[in-house]
Amino acid sequence: MSDFQLKYLADKVHVHRWPQDSPIWDDSTISQLDSSINKNPEKKQITVNETTVQIENIIFYSLNRIGLTIPLFKDECTMIFEGMLGDLSAHVHITIKHGNFLGIFNQLIAWRQKFFPSS
């Protein structure tokens, strides 16, 4: 059994409901996400485990459609995925803009290949 874990600080994170025909999020969920993630300008602690991604104290599971990218002309990388937050569907964007973005990107590529080879 593997015990993969990658921890890093993200500069920007955005979580929103997806797909659009999924259950509507209640006001308390939206408020919690806005105050702790979406509208909070502080860096966010990201913990990537074998099959989950934790942002601060919020865990996303049933991950799929995991995309990793380094935009042209930018020193950053972004991970985008779909997952579950409790019984709610979510779409998550995590961006790293600091010096070790390339090392984190390479570790995320290896993680995705190992645990989500069809993604």
PDB file of N, CA and C in Angstrom:
ATOM      1  N   MET A   1       0.842  -1.185   0.000  1.00  0.00           N
ATOM      2  CA  MET A   1       0.000   0.000   0.000  1.00  0.00           C
ATOM      3  C   MET A   1       0.879   1.239   0.000  1.00  0.00           C
ATOM      4  N   SER A   2       0.559   2.173  -0.861  1.00  0.00           N
ATOM      5  CA  SER A   2       1.304   3.415  -0.962  1.00  0.00           C
ATOM      6  C   SER A   2       0.733   4.450   0.002  1.00  0.00           C
ATOM      7  N   ASP A   3       1.579   5.347   0.432  1.00  0.00           N
ATOM      8  CA  ASP A   3       1.097   6.410   1.301  1.00  0.00           C
ATOM      9  C   ASP A   3       1.572   7.750   0.747  1.00  0.00           C
ATOM     10  N   PHE A   4       1.206   8.021  -0.500  1.00  0.00           N
ATOM     11  CA  PHE A   4       1.587   9.255  -1.178  1.00  0.00           C
ATOM     12  C   PHE A   4       0.962  10.460  -0.490  1.00  0.00           C
ATOM     13  N   GLN A   5       1.778  11.506  -0.339  1.00  0.00           N
ATOM     14  CA  GLN A   5       1.243  12.776   0.145  1.00  0.00           C
ATOM     15  C   GLN A   5       2.149  13.898  -0.347  1.00  0.00           C
ATOM     16  N   LEU A   6       1.534  14.940  -0.892  1.00  0.00           N
ATOM     17  CA  LEU A   6       2.241  16.127  -1.357  1.00  0.00           C
ATOM     18  C   LEU A   6       1.570  17.332  -0.717  1.00  0.00           C
ATOM     19  N   LYS A   7       2.360  18.152  -0.027  1.00  0.00           N
ATOM     20  CA  LYS A   7       1.827  19.354   0.617  1.00  0.00           C
ATOM     21  C   LYS A   7       2.514  20.573   0.017  1.00  0.00           C
ATOM     22  N   TYR A   8       1.724  21.600  -0.251  1.00  0.00           N
ATOM     23  CA  TYR A   8       2.284  22.856  -0.745  1.00  0.00           C
ATOM     24  C   TYR A   8       1.285  23.982  -0.494  1.00  0.00           C
ATOM     25  N   LEU A   9       1.760  25.213  -0.673  1.00  0.00           N
ATOM     26  CA  LEU A   9       0.895  26.375  -0.534  1.00  0.00           C
ATOM     27  C   LEU A   9       0.502  26.869  -1.917  1.00  0.00           C
ATOM     28  N   ALA A  10      -0.782  27.116  -2.100  1.00  0.00           N
ATOM     29  CA  ALA A  10      -1.290  27.627  -3.369  1.00  0.00           C
ATOM     30  C   ALA A  10      -1.559  29.117  -3.234  1.00  0.00           C
ATOM     31  N   ASP A  11      -1.282  29.828  -4.304  1.00  0.00           N
ATOM     32  CA  ASP A  11      -1.501  31.272  -4.321  1.00  0.00           C
ATOM     33  C   ASP A  11      -2.957  31.632  -4.574  1.00  0.00           C
ATOM     34  N   LYS A  12      -3.627  30.813  -5.383  1.00  0.00           N
ATOM     35  CA  LYS A  12      -5.016  31.116  -5.724  1.00  0.00           C
ATOM     36  C   LYS A  12      -5.790  29.812  -5.852  1.00  0.00           C
ATOM     37  N   VAL A  13      -6.975  29.786  -5.257  1.00  0.00           N
ATOM     38  CA  VAL A  13      -7.849  28.620  -5.352  1.00  0.00           C
ATOM     39  C   VAL A  13      -9.267  29.128  -5.591  1.00  0.00           C
ATOM     40  N   HIS A  14      -9.975  28.441  -6.476  1.00  0.00           N
ATOM     41  CA  HIS A  14     -11.382  28.772  -6.700  1.00  0.00           C
ATOM     42  C   HIS A  14     -12.177  27.472  -6.806  1.00  0.00           C
ATOM     43  N   VAL A  15     -13.272  27.407  -6.052  1.00  0.00           N
ATOM     44  CA  VAL A  15     -14.147  26.233  -6.044  1.00  0.00           C
ATOM     45  C   VAL A  15     -15.542  26.693  -6.437  1.00  0.00           C
ATOM     46  N   HIS A  16     -16.148  25.983  -7.381  1.00  0.00           N
ATOM     47  CA  HIS A  16     -17.523  26.308  -7.755  1.00  0.00           C
ATOM     48  C   HIS A  16     -18.298  25.041  -8.091  1.00  0.00           C
ATOM     49  N   ARG A  17     -19.616  25.170  -8.111  1.00  0.00           N
ATOM     50  CA  ARG A  17     -20.506  24.044  -8.404  1.00  0.00           C
ATOM     51  C   ARG A  17     -20.367  23.657  -9.867  1.00  0.00           C
ATOM     52  N   TRP A  18     -20.246  22.365 -10.106  1.00  0.00           N
ATOM     53  CA  TRP A  18     -20.145  21.854 -11.469  1.00  0.00           C
ATOM     54  C   TRP A  18     -20.457  20.387 -11.450  1.00  0.00           C
ATOM     55  N   PRO A  19     -21.178  19.836 -12.365  1.00  0.00           N
ATOM     56  CA  PRO A  19     -21.785  20.516 -13.509  1.00  0.00           C
ATOM     57  C   PRO A  19     -22.988  21.370 -13.095  1.00  0.00           C
ATOM     58  N   GLN A  20     -23.428  22.178 -14.015  1.00  0.00           N
ATOM     59  CA  GLN A  20     -24.493  23.122 -13.698  1.00  0.00           C
ATOM     60  C   GLN A  20     -25.813  22.450 -13.352  1.00  0.00           C
ATOM     61  N   ASP A  21     -25.993  21.207 -13.778  1.00  0.00           N
ATOM     62  CA  ASP A  21     -27.244  20.514 -13.439  1.00  0.00           C
ATOM     63  C   ASP A  21     -27.124  19.706 -12.141  1.00  0.00           C
ATOM     64  N   SER A  22     -26.022  19.889 -11.397  1.00  0.00           N
ATOM     65  CA  SER A  22     -25.863  19.214 -10.109  1.00  0.00           C
ATOM     66  C   SER A  22     -26.654  19.972  -9.036  1.00  0.00           C
ATOM     67  N   PRO A  23     -26.869  19.341  -7.869  1.00  0.00           N
ATOM     68  CA  PRO A  23     -27.654  19.999  -6.815  1.00  0.00           C
ATOM     69  C   PRO A  23     -27.107  21.380  -6.449  1.00  0.00           C
ATOM     70  N   ILE A  24     -28.007  22.307  -6.215  1.00  0.00           N
ATOM     71  CA  ILE A  24     -27.664  23.676  -5.830  1.00  0.00           C
ATOM     72  C   ILE A  24     -27.001  23.652  -4.451  1.00  0.00           C
ATOM     73  N   TRP A  25     -25.963  24.463  -4.275  1.00  0.00           N
ATOM     74  CA  TRP A  25     -25.292  24.565  -2.986  1.00  0.00           C
ATOM     75  C   TRP A  25     -26.084  25.481  -2.077  1.00  0.00           C
ATOM     76  N   ASP A  26     -26.195  25.104  -0.800  1.00  0.00           N
ATOM     77  CA  ASP A  26     -26.913  25.955   0.148  1.00  0.00           C
ATOM     78  C   ASP A  26     -26.035  27.154   0.531  1.00  0.00           C
ATOM     79  N   ASP A  27     -26.662  28.172   1.129  1.00  0.00           N
ATOM     80  CA  ASP A  27     -25.959  29.403   1.462  1.00  0.00           C
ATOM     81  C   ASP A  27     -24.802  29.184   2.431  1.00  0.00           C
ATOM     82  N   SER A  28     -24.938  28.248   3.368  1.00  0.00           N
ATOM     83  CA  SER A  28     -23.858  28.030   4.339  1.00  0.00           C
ATOM     84  C   SER A  28     -22.630  27.425   3.663  1.00  0.00           C
ATOM     85  N   THR A  29     -22.821  26.547   2.679  1.00  0.00           N
ATOM     86  CA  THR A  29     -21.699  25.969   1.940  1.00  0.00           C
ATOM     87  C   THR A  29     -20.990  27.053   1.148  1.00  0.00           C
ATOM     88  N   ILE A  30     -21.761  27.875   0.455  1.00  0.00           N
ATOM     89  CA  ILE A  30     -21.179  28.968  -0.336  1.00  0.00           C
ATOM     90  C   ILE A  30     -20.425  29.933   0.573  1.00  0.00           C
ATOM     91  N   SER A  31     -21.009  30.270   1.708  1.00  0.00           N
ATOM     92  CA  SER A  31     -20.375  31.182   2.650  1.00  0.00           C
ATOM     93  C   SER A  31     -19.067  30.601   3.185  1.00  0.00           C
ATOM     94  N   GLN A  32     -19.084  29.308   3.540  1.00  0.00           N
ATOM     95  CA  GLN A  32     -17.877  28.653   4.047  1.00  0.00           C
ATOM     96  C   GLN A  32     -16.779  28.664   2.988  1.00  0.00           C
ATOM     97  N   LEU A  33     -17.116  28.322   1.747  1.00  0.00           N
ATOM     98  CA  LEU A  33     -16.114  28.295   0.683  1.00  0.00           C
ATOM     99  C   LEU A  33     -15.598  29.693   0.363  1.00  0.00           C
ATOM    100  N   ASP A  34     -16.489  30.682   0.360  1.00  0.00           N
ATOM    101  CA  ASP A  34     -16.054  32.048   0.078  1.00  0.00           C
ATOM    102  C   ASP A  34     -15.117  32.569   1.155  1.00  0.00           C
ATOM    103  N   SER A  35     -15.459  32.340   2.420  1.00  0.00           N
ATOM    104  CA  SER A  35     -14.628  32.893   3.501  1.00  0.00           C
ATOM    105  C   SER A  35     -13.300  32.156   3.650  1.00  0.00           C
ATOM    106  N   SER A  36     -13.275  30.850   3.434  1.00  0.00           N
ATOM    107  CA  SER A  36     -12.039  30.102   3.644  1.00  0.00           C
ATOM    108  C   SER A  36     -11.198  29.941   2.377  1.00  0.00           C
ATOM    109  N   ILE A  37     -11.824  30.007   1.199  1.00  0.00           N
ATOM    110  CA  ILE A  37     -11.082  29.725  -0.036  1.00  0.00           C
ATOM    111  C   ILE A  37     -11.265  30.803  -1.099  1.00  0.00           C
ATOM    112  N   ASN A  38     -12.463  30.912  -1.654  1.00  0.00           N
ATOM    113  CA  ASN A  38     -12.671  31.731  -2.849  1.00  0.00           C
ATOM    114  C   ASN A  38     -12.346  33.205  -2.675  1.00  0.00           C
ATOM    115  N   LYS A  39     -12.735  33.795  -1.573  1.00  0.00           N
ATOM    116  CA  LYS A  39     -12.528  35.235  -1.379  1.00  0.00           C
ATOM    117  C   LYS A  39     -11.472  35.537  -0.321  1.00  0.00           C
ATOM    118  N   ASN A  40     -10.716  34.524   0.059  1.00  0.00           N
ATOM    119  CA  ASN A  40      -9.651  34.685   1.038  1.00  0.00           C
ATOM    120  C   ASN A  40      -8.329  34.862   0.274  1.00  0.00           C
ATOM    121  N   PRO A  41      -7.677  36.036   0.381  1.00  0.00           N
ATOM    122  CA  PRO A  41      -6.465  36.290  -0.398  1.00  0.00           C
ATOM    123  C   PRO A  41      -5.209  35.594   0.121  1.00  0.00           C
ATOM    124  N   GLU A  42      -5.273  34.973   1.284  1.00  0.00           N
ATOM    125  CA  GLU A  42      -4.104  34.293   1.855  1.00  0.00           C
ATOM    126  C   GLU A  42      -3.776  33.031   1.052  1.00  0.00           C
ATOM    127  N   LYS A  43      -2.508  32.600   1.137  1.00  0.00           N
ATOM    128  CA  LYS A  43      -2.128  31.325   0.514  1.00  0.00           C
ATOM    129  C   LYS A  43      -2.894  30.200   1.200  1.00  0.00           C
ATOM    130  N   LYS A  44      -3.228  29.161   0.449  1.00  0.00           N
ATOM    131  CA  LYS A  44      -4.003  28.027   0.975  1.00  0.00           C
ATOM    132  C   LYS A  44      -3.122  26.793   1.072  1.00  0.00           C
ATOM    133  N   GLN A  45      -3.259  26.074   2.179  1.00  0.00           N
ATOM    134  CA  GLN A  45      -2.532  24.812   2.349  1.00  0.00           C
ATOM    135  C   GLN A  45      -3.236  23.733   1.523  1.00  0.00           C
ATOM    136  N   ILE A  46      -2.493  23.112   0.620  1.00  0.00           N
ATOM    137  CA  ILE A  46      -3.008  22.038  -0.228  1.00  0.00           C
ATOM    138  C   ILE A  46      -2.321  20.744   0.192  1.00  0.00           C
ATOM    139  N   THR A  47      -3.105  19.699   0.387  1.00  0.00           N
ATOM    140  CA  THR A  47      -2.565  18.371   0.678  1.00  0.00           C
ATOM    141  C   THR A  47      -3.158  17.403  -0.336  1.00  0.00           C
ATOM    142  N   VAL A  48      -2.293  16.866  -1.173  1.00  0.00           N
ATOM    143  CA  VAL A  48      -2.705  15.897  -2.188  1.00  0.00           C
ATOM    144  C   VAL A  48      -2.354  14.515  -1.663  1.00  0.00           C
ATOM    145  N   ASN A  49      -3.364  13.687  -1.466  1.00  0.00           N
ATOM    146  CA  ASN A  49      -3.169  12.295  -1.067  1.00  0.00           C
ATOM    147  C   ASN A  49      -3.451  11.406  -2.266  1.00  0.00           C
ATOM    148  N   GLU A  50      -3.401  10.110  -2.079  1.00  0.00           N
ATOM    149  CA  GLU A  50      -3.597   9.183  -3.198  1.00  0.00           C
ATOM    150  C   GLU A  50      -4.873   9.468  -3.971  1.00  0.00           C
ATOM    151  N   THR A  51      -5.990   9.612  -3.278  1.00  0.00           N
ATOM    152  CA  THR A  51      -7.276   9.755  -3.974  1.00  0.00           C
ATOM    153  C   THR A  51      -8.086  10.958  -3.512  1.00  0.00           C
ATOM    154  N   THR A  52      -7.484  11.851  -2.733  1.00  0.00           N
ATOM    155  CA  THR A  52      -8.190  13.044  -2.274  1.00  0.00           C
ATOM    156  C   THR A  52      -7.281  14.263  -2.384  1.00  0.00           C
ATOM    157  N   VAL A  53      -7.931  15.423  -2.424  1.00  0.00           N
ATOM    158  CA  VAL A  53      -7.215  16.693  -2.339  1.00  0.00           C
ATOM    159  C   VAL A  53      -7.870  17.484  -1.218  1.00  0.00           C
ATOM    160  N   GLN A  54      -7.046  17.949  -0.283  1.00  0.00           N
ATOM    161  CA  GLN A  54      -7.545  18.743   0.826  1.00  0.00           C
ATOM    162  C   GLN A  54      -7.058  20.177   0.658  1.00  0.00           C
ATOM    163  N   ILE A  55      -7.995  21.115   0.738  1.00  0.00           N
ATOM    164  CA  ILE A  55      -7.692  22.537   0.675  1.00  0.00           C
ATOM    165  C   ILE A  55      -8.071  23.100   2.033  1.00  0.00           C
ATOM    166  N   GLU A  56      -7.041  23.553   2.770  1.00  0.00           N
ATOM    167  CA  GLU A  56      -7.238  23.959   4.159  1.00  0.00           C
ATOM    168  C   GLU A  56      -7.890  22.782   4.892  1.00  0.00           C
ATOM    169  N   ASN A  57      -9.120  22.915   5.387  1.00  0.00           N
ATOM    170  CA  ASN A  57      -9.770  21.813   6.118  1.00  0.00           C
ATOM    171  C   ASN A  57     -10.894  21.154   5.319  1.00  0.00           C
ATOM    172  N   ILE A  58     -10.949  21.402   4.014  1.00  0.00           N
ATOM    173  CA  ILE A  58     -12.018  20.868   3.174  1.00  0.00           C
ATOM    174  C   ILE A  58     -11.450  19.785   2.257  1.00  0.00           C
ATOM    175  N   ILE A  59     -12.047  18.587   2.323  1.00  0.00           N
ATOM    176  CA  ILE A  59     -11.548  17.441   1.562  1.00  0.00           C
ATOM    177  C   ILE A  59     -12.449  17.178   0.355  1.00  0.00           C
ATOM    178  N   PHE A  60     -11.803  17.010  -0.800  1.00  0.00           N
ATOM    179  CA  PHE A  60     -12.493  16.651  -2.040  1.00  0.00           C
ATOM    180  C   PHE A  60     -12.112  15.209  -2.380  1.00  0.00           C
ATOM    181  N   TYR A  61     -13.105  14.412  -2.765  1.00  0.00           N
ATOM    182  CA  TYR A  61     -12.887  13.004  -3.091  1.00  0.00           C
ATOM    183  C   TYR A  61     -13.610  12.697  -4.398  1.00  0.00           C
ATOM    184  N   SER A  62     -13.565  11.447  -4.832  1.00  0.00           N
ATOM    185  CA  SER A  62     -14.134  11.032  -6.130  1.00  0.00           C
ATOM    186  C   SER A  62     -13.625  11.950  -7.237  1.00  0.00           C
ATOM    187  N   LEU A  63     -12.323  12.149  -7.257  1.00  0.00           N
ATOM    188  CA  LEU A  63     -11.707  13.054  -8.218  1.00  0.00           C
ATOM    189  C   LEU A  63     -11.777  12.474  -9.625  1.00  0.00           C
ATOM    190  N   ASN A  64     -11.972  13.354 -10.596  1.00  0.00           N
ATOM    191  CA  ASN A  64     -11.905  12.949 -11.993  1.00  0.00           C
ATOM    192  C   ASN A  64     -11.606  14.166 -12.849  1.00  0.00           C
ATOM    193  N   ARG A  65     -11.327  13.916 -14.125  1.00  0.00           N
ATOM    194  CA  ARG A  65     -11.000  14.975 -15.079  1.00  0.00           C
ATOM    195  C   ARG A  65      -9.932  15.910 -14.508  1.00  0.00           C
ATOM    196  N   ILE A  66      -8.827  15.326 -14.107  1.00  0.00           N
ATOM    197  CA  ILE A  66      -7.740  16.085 -13.499  1.00  0.00           C
ATOM    198  C   ILE A  66      -6.843  16.640 -14.598  1.00  0.00           C
ATOM    199  N   GLY A  67      -6.766  17.955 -14.655  1.00  0.00           N
ATOM    200  CA  GLY A  67      -5.927  18.626 -15.634  1.00  0.00           C
ATOM    201  C   GLY A  67      -4.802  19.377 -14.958  1.00  0.00           C
ATOM    202  N   LEU A  68      -3.631  19.337 -15.564  1.00  0.00           N
ATOM    203  CA  LEU A  68      -2.460  20.053 -15.055  1.00  0.00           C
ATOM    204  C   LEU A  68      -1.868  20.851 -16.202  1.00  0.00           C
ATOM    205  N   THR A  69      -1.550  22.120 -15.938  1.00  0.00           N
ATOM    206  CA  THR A  69      -1.066  22.961 -17.020  1.00  0.00           C
ATOM    207  C   THR A  69      -0.074  23.997 -16.519  1.00  0.00           C
ATOM    208  N   ILE A  70       0.820  24.374 -17.404  1.00  0.00           N
ATOM    209  CA  ILE A  70       1.696  25.526 -17.205  1.00  0.00           C
ATOM    210  C   ILE A  70       1.366  26.484 -18.344  1.00  0.00           C
ATOM    211  N   PRO A  71       0.700  27.593 -18.031  1.00  0.00           N
ATOM    212  CA  PRO A  71       0.325  28.542 -19.093  1.00  0.00           C
ATOM    213  C   PRO A  71       1.558  29.157 -19.760  1.00  0.00           C
ATOM    214  N   LEU A  72       1.438  29.449 -21.048  1.00  0.00           N
ATOM    215  CA  LEU A  72       2.525  30.096 -21.776  1.00  0.00           C
ATOM    216  C   LEU A  72       2.869  31.440 -21.146  1.00  0.00           C
ATOM    217  N   PHE A  73       4.147  31.726 -21.059  1.00  0.00           N
ATOM    218  CA  PHE A  73       4.678  33.010 -20.610  1.00  0.00           C
ATOM    219  C   PHE A  73       4.394  33.325 -19.138  1.00  0.00           C
ATOM    220  N   LYS A  74       4.050  32.310 -18.340  1.00  0.00           N
ATOM    221  CA  LYS A  74       3.794  32.525 -16.915  1.00  0.00           C
ATOM    222  C   LYS A  74       4.602  31.538 -16.096  1.00  0.00           C
ATOM    223  N   ASP A  75       5.114  31.999 -14.964  1.00  0.00           N
ATOM    224  CA  ASP A  75       5.833  31.131 -14.038  1.00  0.00           C
ATOM    225  C   ASP A  75       4.852  30.612 -12.997  1.00  0.00           C
ATOM    226  N   GLU A  76       3.983  29.711 -13.435  1.00  0.00           N
ATOM    227  CA  GLU A  76       2.963  29.155 -12.556  1.00  0.00           C
ATOM    228  C   GLU A  76       2.450  27.852 -13.135  1.00  0.00           C
ATOM    229  N   CYS A  77       1.773  27.085 -12.292  1.00  0.00           N
ATOM    230  CA  CYS A  77       1.068  25.900 -12.778  1.00  0.00           C
ATOM    231  C   CYS A  77      -0.305  25.852 -12.123  1.00  0.00           C
ATOM    232  N   THR A  78      -1.219  25.211 -12.816  1.00  0.00           N
ATOM    233  CA  THR A  78      -2.595  25.115 -12.341  1.00  0.00           C
ATOM    234  C   THR A  78      -3.058  23.676 -12.431  1.00  0.00           C
ATOM    235  N   MET A  79      -3.740  23.245 -11.374  1.00  0.00           N
ATOM    236  CA  MET A  79      -4.414  21.951 -11.367  1.00  0.00           C
ATOM    237  C   MET A  79      -5.910  22.236 -11.343  1.00  0.00           C
ATOM    238  N   ILE A  80      -6.640  21.596 -12.222  1.00  0.00           N
ATOM    239  CA  ILE A  80      -8.096  21.718 -12.279  1.00  0.00           C
ATOM    240  C   ILE A  80      -8.671  20.312 -12.202  1.00  0.00           C
ATOM    241  N   PHE A  81      -9.697  20.132 -11.378  1.00  0.00           N
ATOM    242  CA  PHE A  81     -10.323  18.816 -11.289  1.00  0.00           C
ATOM    243  C   PHE A  81     -11.782  18.945 -10.888  1.00  0.00           C
ATOM    244  N   GLU A  82     -12.504  17.860 -11.128  1.00  0.00           N
ATOM    245  CA  GLU A  82     -13.866  17.721 -10.635  1.00  0.00           C
ATOM    246  C   GLU A  82     -13.810  16.752  -9.464  1.00  0.00           C
ATOM    247  N   GLY A  83     -14.667  16.985  -8.484  1.00  0.00           N
ATOM    248  CA  GLY A  83     -14.689  16.105  -7.331  1.00  0.00           C
ATOM    249  C   GLY A  83     -15.926  16.334  -6.497  1.00  0.00           C
ATOM    250  N   MET A  84     -16.009  15.602  -5.418  1.00  0.00           N
ATOM    251  CA  MET A  84     -17.147  15.709  -4.510  1.00  0.00           C
ATOM    252  C   MET A  84     -16.710  16.401  -3.222  1.00  0.00           C
ATOM    253  N   LEU A  85     -17.593  17.227  -2.724  1.00  0.00           N
ATOM    254  CA  LEU A  85     -17.437  17.926  -1.456  1.00  0.00           C
ATOM    255  C   LEU A  85     -18.662  17.534  -0.649  1.00  0.00           C
ATOM    256  N   GLY A  86     -18.505  16.546   0.245  1.00  0.00           N
ATOM    257  CA  GLY A  86     -19.689  15.972   0.885  1.00  0.00           C
ATOM    258  C   GLY A  86     -20.520  15.289  -0.190  1.00  0.00           C
ATOM    259  N   ASP A  87     -21.768  15.679  -0.323  1.00  0.00           N
ATOM    260  CA  ASP A  87     -22.603  15.110  -1.382  1.00  0.00           C
ATOM    261  C   ASP A  87     -22.802  16.092  -2.535  1.00  0.00           C
ATOM    262  N   LEU A  88     -21.935  17.094  -2.616  1.00  0.00           N
ATOM    263  CA  LEU A  88     -22.032  18.122  -3.650  1.00  0.00           C
ATOM    264  C   LEU A  88     -20.916  17.972  -4.674  1.00  0.00           C
ATOM    265  N   SER A  89     -21.251  18.233  -5.934  1.00  0.00           N
ATOM    266  CA  SER A  89     -20.264  18.191  -7.015  1.00  0.00           C
ATOM    267  C   SER A  89     -19.567  19.544  -7.115  1.00  0.00           C
ATOM    268  N   ALA A  90     -18.249  19.494  -7.374  1.00  0.00           N
ATOM    269  CA  ALA A  90     -17.471  20.731  -7.427  1.00  0.00           C
ATOM    270  C   ALA A  90     -16.448  20.678  -8.554  1.00  0.00           C
ATOM    271  N   HIS A  91     -16.052  21.860  -8.981  1.00  0.00           N
ATOM    272  CA  HIS A  91     -14.981  22.061  -9.942  1.00  0.00           C
ATOM    273  C   HIS A  91     -13.963  22.950  -9.239  1.00  0.00           C
ATOM    274  N   VAL A  92     -12.699  22.532  -9.209  1.00  0.00           N
ATOM    275  CA  VAL A  92     -11.690  23.213  -8.403  1.00  0.00           C
ATOM    276  C   VAL A  92     -10.507  23.633  -9.279  1.00  0.00           C
ATOM    277  N   HIS A  93     -10.052  24.862  -9.075  1.00  0.00           N
ATOM    278  CA  HIS A  93      -8.878  25.407  -9.756  1.00  0.00           C
ATOM    279  C   HIS A  93      -7.860  25.775  -8.682  1.00  0.00           C
ATOM    280  N   ILE A  94      -6.636  25.247  -8.774  1.00  0.00           N
ATOM    281  CA  ILE A  94      -5.577  25.531  -7.801  1.00  0.00           C
ATOM    282  C   ILE A  94      -4.358  26.033  -8.585  1.00  0.00           C
ATOM    283  N   THR A  95      -3.890  27.240  -8.243  1.00  0.00           N
ATOM    284  CA  THR A  95      -2.758  27.837  -8.954  1.00  0.00           C
ATOM    285  C   THR A  95      -1.613  28.120  -7.991  1.00  0.00           C
ATOM    286  N   ILE A  96      -0.406  27.760  -8.439  1.00  0.00           N
ATOM    287  CA  ILE A  96       0.819  28.006  -7.695  1.00  0.00           C
ATOM    288  C   ILE A  96       1.661  28.962  -8.521  1.00  0.00           C
ATOM    289  N   LYS A  97       2.050  30.086  -7.921  1.00  0.00           N
ATOM    290  CA  LYS A  97       2.813  31.099  -8.657  1.00  0.00           C
ATOM    291  C   LYS A  97       4.196  31.331  -8.064  1.00  0.00           C
ATOM    292  N   HIS A  98       4.675  30.454  -7.216  1.00  0.00           N
ATOM    293  CA  HIS A  98       5.955  30.701  -6.578  1.00  0.00           C
ATOM    294  C   HIS A  98       7.071  29.875  -7.191  1.00  0.00           C
ATOM    295  N   GLY A  99       8.274  30.061  -6.675  1.00  0.00           N
ATOM    296  CA  GLY A  99       9.487  29.517  -7.252  1.00  0.00           C
ATOM    297  C   GLY A  99       9.522  28.035  -7.554  1.00  0.00           C
ATOM    298  N   ASN A 100       8.900  27.190  -6.757  1.00  0.00           N
ATOM    299  CA  ASN A 100       8.986  25.744  -6.965  1.00  0.00           C
ATOM    300  C   ASN A 100       7.794  25.200  -7.760  1.00  0.00           C
ATOM    301  N   PHE A 101       7.137  26.034  -8.542  1.00  0.00           N
ATOM    302  CA  PHE A 101       5.946  25.574  -9.264  1.00  0.00           C
ATOM    303  C   PHE A 101       6.266  24.419 -10.202  1.00  0.00           C
ATOM    304  N   LEU A 102       7.446  24.409 -10.799  1.00  0.00           N
ATOM    305  CA  LEU A 102       7.792  23.351 -11.746  1.00  0.00           C
ATOM    306  C   LEU A 102       8.004  22.014 -11.030  1.00  0.00           C
ATOM    307  N   GLY A 103       8.629  22.038  -9.860  1.00  0.00           N
ATOM    308  CA  GLY A 103       8.804  20.815  -9.071  1.00  0.00           C
ATOM    309  C   GLY A 103       7.471  20.251  -8.615  1.00  0.00           C
ATOM    310  N   ILE A 104       6.574  21.132  -8.177  1.00  0.00           N
ATOM    311  CA  ILE A 104       5.235  20.692  -7.760  1.00  0.00           C
ATOM    312  C   ILE A 104       4.478  20.143  -8.959  1.00  0.00           C
ATOM    313  N   PHE A 105       4.574  20.820 -10.101  1.00  0.00           N
ATOM    314  CA  PHE A 105       3.927  20.350 -11.327  1.00  0.00           C
ATOM    315  C   PHE A 105       4.381  18.929 -11.665  1.00  0.00           C
ATOM    316  N   ASN A 106       5.692  18.681 -11.612  1.00  0.00           N
ATOM    317  CA  ASN A 106       6.223  17.350 -11.932  1.00  0.00           C
ATOM    318  C   ASN A 106       5.714  16.292 -10.954  1.00  0.00           C
ATOM    319  N   GLN A 107       5.622  16.629  -9.668  1.00  0.00           N
ATOM    320  CA  GLN A 107       5.093  15.684  -8.679  1.00  0.00           C
ATOM    321  C   GLN A 107       3.603  15.420  -8.924  1.00  0.00           C
ATOM    322  N   LEU A 108       2.871  16.457  -9.314  1.00  0.00           N
ATOM    323  CA  LEU A 108       1.444  16.279  -9.616  1.00  0.00           C
ATOM    324  C   LEU A 108       1.241  15.413 -10.860  1.00  0.00           C
ATOM    325  N   ILE A 109       2.096  15.579 -11.856  1.00  0.00           N
ATOM    326  CA  ILE A 109       2.025  14.729 -13.056  1.00  0.00           C
ATOM    327  C   ILE A 109       2.238  13.268 -12.665  1.00  0.00           C
ATOM    328  N   ALA A 110       3.262  12.998 -11.852  1.00  0.00           N
ATOM    329  CA  ALA A 110       3.543  11.615 -11.416  1.00  0.00           C
ATOM    330  C   ALA A 110       2.371  11.068 -10.607  1.00  0.00           C
ATOM    331  N   TRP A 111       1.789  11.890  -9.723  1.00  0.00           N
ATOM    332  CA  TRP A 111       0.616  11.486  -8.917  1.00  0.00           C
ATOM    333  C   TRP A 111      -0.549  11.118  -9.828  1.00  0.00           C
ATOM    334  N   ARG A 112      -0.847  11.978 -10.794  1.00  0.00           N
ATOM    335  CA  ARG A 112      -1.972  11.699 -11.686  1.00  0.00           C
ATOM    336  C   ARG A 112      -1.738  10.427 -12.500  1.00  0.00           C
ATOM    337  N   GLN A 113      -0.528  10.241 -13.000  1.00  0.00           N
ATOM    338  CA  GLN A 113      -0.231   9.035 -13.780  1.00  0.00           C
ATOM    339  C   GLN A 113      -0.374   7.769 -12.947  1.00  0.00           C
ATOM    340  N   LYS A 114       0.019   7.840 -11.680  1.00  0.00           N
ATOM    341  CA  LYS A 114      -0.035   6.655 -10.826  1.00  0.00           C
ATOM    342  C   LYS A 114      -1.444   6.336 -10.348  1.00  0.00           C
ATOM    343  N   PHE A 115      -2.169   7.353  -9.863  1.00  0.00           N
ATOM    344  CA  PHE A 115      -3.459   7.094  -9.208  1.00  0.00           C
ATOM    345  C   PHE A 115      -4.678   7.363 -10.093  1.00  0.00           C
ATOM    346  N   PHE A 116      -4.496   8.103 -11.174  1.00  0.00           N
ATOM    347  CA  PHE A 116      -5.605   8.428 -12.079  1.00  0.00           C
ATOM    348  C   PHE A 116      -5.133   8.309 -13.537  1.00  0.00           C
ATOM    349  N   PRO A 117      -4.693   7.113 -13.933  1.00  0.00           N
ATOM    350  CA  PRO A 117      -4.097   6.973 -15.277  1.00  0.00           C
ATOM    351  C   PRO A 117      -5.051   7.279 -16.429  1.00  0.00           C
ATOM    352  N   SER A 118      -6.339   7.222 -16.207  1.00  0.00           N
ATOM    353  CA  SER A 118      -7.281   7.510 -17.302  1.00  0.00           C
ATOM    354  C   SER A 118      -7.727   8.966 -17.317  1.00  0.00           C
ATOM    355  N   SER A 119      -7.200   9.762 -16.422  1.00  0.00           N
ATOM    356  CA  SER A 119      -7.611  11.169 -16.343  1.00  0.00           C
ATOM    357  C   SER A 119      -6.897  12.021 -17.343  1.00  0.00           C
TER     358      SER A 119
END
